Amino acid sequence: MQAQLAKWGNSLGVRIPRDIARRAGLTPGTAVEIEAEGRRIVITPSLKQVFALSDLLAGMTPEAMHDAFDWGPDQGRENVE
């Protein structure tokens, strides 16, 4: 199947036909990796996982955070209890 490149800002854009996108598992908003291999352009779904901050901080407590950032004994007024 052929497509035509179009100017998109300072870049070039190409539309991916619906059937090809479906067969590749691509949907609107899918993150992709784009690389050049010789004269070929390869587009693959990104394997990088996106995390929500709430998921990353699940189970964190002030006590656990204190152990993560222990810079030694308090020196002055920073001692908060």
C-alpha atoms as a PDB file:
ATOM      1  CA  MET A   1       0.000   0.000   0.000  1.00  0.00           C
ATOM      2  CA  GLN A   2       1.310   3.456  -0.840  1.00  0.00           C
ATOM      3  CA  ALA A   3       0.926   6.689   1.107  1.00  0.00           C
ATOM      4  CA  GLN A   4       2.115  10.231   0.570  1.00  0.00           C
ATOM      5  CA  LEU A   5       4.257  12.277   2.964  1.00  0.00           C
ATOM      6  CA  ALA A   6       2.963  15.663   4.069  1.00  0.00           C
ATOM      7  CA  LYS A   7       4.737  18.555   5.771  1.00  0.00           C
ATOM      8  CA  TRP A   8       3.825  18.816   9.469  1.00  0.00           C
ATOM      9  CA  GLY A   9       5.590  21.783  11.084  1.00  0.00           C
ATOM     10  CA  ASN A  10       9.317  21.162  10.639  1.00  0.00           C
ATOM     11  CA  SER A  11       8.707  17.428  10.188  1.00  0.00           C
ATOM     12  CA  LEU A  12       7.109  15.061   7.725  1.00  0.00           C
ATOM     13  CA  GLY A  13       3.993  13.066   8.494  1.00  0.00           C
ATOM     14  CA  VAL A  14       2.398   9.998   6.963  1.00  0.00           C
ATOM     15  CA  ARG A  15      -1.047   8.536   7.628  1.00  0.00           C
ATOM     16  CA  ILE A  16      -1.119   4.856   8.513  1.00  0.00           C
ATOM     17  CA  PRO A  17      -4.059   3.158   6.788  1.00  0.00           C
ATOM     18  CA  ARG A  18      -6.626   1.688   9.189  1.00  0.00           C
ATOM     19  CA  ASP A  19      -6.079  -1.940   8.111  1.00  0.00           C
ATOM     20  CA  ILE A  20      -2.310  -1.734   8.591  1.00  0.00           C
ATOM     21  CA  ALA A  21      -2.719   0.001  11.962  1.00  0.00           C
ATOM     22  CA  ARG A  22      -5.183  -2.677  13.089  1.00  0.00           C
ATOM     23  CA  ARG A  23      -2.886  -5.524  12.026  1.00  0.00           C
ATOM     24  CA  ALA A  24       0.035  -3.886  13.859  1.00  0.00           C
ATOM     25  CA  GLY A  25      -2.051  -3.294  16.990  1.00  0.00           C
ATOM     26  CA  LEU A  26      -1.799   0.495  16.733  1.00  0.00           C
ATOM     27  CA  THR A  27      -4.558   2.755  18.051  1.00  0.00           C
ATOM     28  CA  PRO A  28      -4.754   6.544  18.470  1.00  0.00           C
ATOM     29  CA  GLY A  29      -2.416   7.585  21.281  1.00  0.00           C
ATOM     30  CA  THR A  30      -0.181   4.503  21.031  1.00  0.00           C
ATOM     31  CA  ALA A  31       3.470   5.402  21.743  1.00  0.00           C
ATOM     32  CA  VAL A  32       5.777   4.175  18.998  1.00  0.00           C
ATOM     33  CA  GLU A  33       9.494   3.906  18.358  1.00  0.00           C
ATOM     34  CA  ILE A  34      10.684   5.188  14.968  1.00  0.00           C
ATOM     35  CA  GLU A  35      14.077   4.298  13.563  1.00  0.00           C
ATOM     36  CA  ALA A  36      15.843   4.255  10.236  1.00  0.00           C
ATOM     37  CA  GLU A  37      17.451   1.030   9.029  1.00  0.00           C
ATOM     38  CA  GLY A  38      19.298   1.933   5.889  1.00  0.00           C
ATOM     39  CA  ARG A  39      16.674   3.328   3.527  1.00  0.00           C
ATOM     40  CA  ARG A  40      13.807   1.765   5.517  1.00  0.00           C
ATOM     41  CA  ILE A  41      11.759   3.435   8.251  1.00  0.00           C
ATOM     42  CA  VAL A  42      10.659   1.021  10.983  1.00  0.00           C
ATOM     43  CA  ILE A  43       7.777   1.945  13.315  1.00  0.00           C
ATOM     44  CA  THR A  44       7.105  -0.353  16.279  1.00  0.00           C
ATOM     45  CA  PRO A  45       4.871  -0.001  19.338  1.00  0.00           C
ATOM     46  CA  SER A  46       6.891   1.301  22.273  1.00  0.00           C
ATOM     47  CA  LEU A  47       7.598  -1.219  25.007  1.00  0.00           C
ATOM     48  CA  LYS A  48       8.261   1.505  27.556  1.00  0.00           C
ATOM     49  CA  GLN A  49       5.783   1.316  30.368  1.00  0.00           C
ATOM     50  CA  VAL A  50       4.107   4.492  31.587  1.00  0.00           C
ATOM     51  CA  PHE A  51       3.508   4.745  35.319  1.00  0.00           C
ATOM     52  CA  ALA A  52       1.106   6.921  37.264  1.00  0.00           C
ATOM     53  CA  LEU A  53       2.592   8.770  40.218  1.00  0.00           C
ATOM     54  CA  SER A  54      -0.042   7.280  42.524  1.00  0.00           C
ATOM     55  CA  ASP A  55       1.084   3.769  41.510  1.00  0.00           C
ATOM     56  CA  LEU A  56       4.749   4.601  42.111  1.00  0.00           C
ATOM     57  CA  LEU A  57       4.029   5.984  45.581  1.00  0.00           C
ATOM     58  CA  ALA A  58       1.581   3.285  46.668  1.00  0.00           C
ATOM     59  CA  GLY A  59       2.555   1.975  50.091  1.00  0.00           C
ATOM     60  CA  MET A  60       5.079   4.732  50.809  1.00  0.00           C
ATOM     61  CA  THR A  61       4.997   6.029  54.366  1.00  0.00           C
ATOM     62  CA  PRO A  62       6.859   8.894  56.044  1.00  0.00           C
ATOM     63  CA  GLU A  63       8.968   6.292  57.861  1.00  0.00           C
ATOM     64  CA  ALA A  64       9.989   4.632  54.597  1.00  0.00           C
ATOM     65  CA  MET A  65      10.810   7.998  53.031  1.00  0.00           C
ATOM     66  CA  HIS A  66      13.018   8.919  56.018  1.00  0.00           C
ATOM     67  CA  ASP A  67      15.182   5.849  55.374  1.00  0.00           C
ATOM     68  CA  ALA A  68      15.478   6.757  51.704  1.00  0.00           C
ATOM     69  CA  PHE A  69      16.877  10.230  52.497  1.00  0.00           C
ATOM     70  CA  ASP A  70      19.049   9.810  55.579  1.00  0.00           C
ATOM     71  CA  TRP A  71      21.750  12.490  55.507  1.00  0.00           C
ATOM     72  CA  GLY A  72      22.922  11.895  59.039  1.00  0.00           C
ATOM     73  CA  PRO A  73      21.899  13.395  62.368  1.00  0.00           C
ATOM     74  CA  ASP A  74      19.974  16.680  62.485  1.00  0.00           C
ATOM     75  CA  GLN A  75      22.228  19.719  62.900  1.00  0.00           C
ATOM     76  CA  GLY A  76      19.803  22.448  63.906  1.00  0.00           C
ATOM     77  CA  ARG A  77      16.188  23.505  63.556  1.00  0.00           C
ATOM     78  CA  GLU A  78      15.375  20.934  60.841  1.00  0.00           C
ATOM     79  CA  ASN A  79      14.444  18.382  63.534  1.00  0.00           C
ATOM     80  CA  VAL A  80      10.659  18.054  63.151  1.00  0.00           C
ATOM     81  CA  GLU A  81       8.692  15.646  65.290  1.00  0.00           C
END
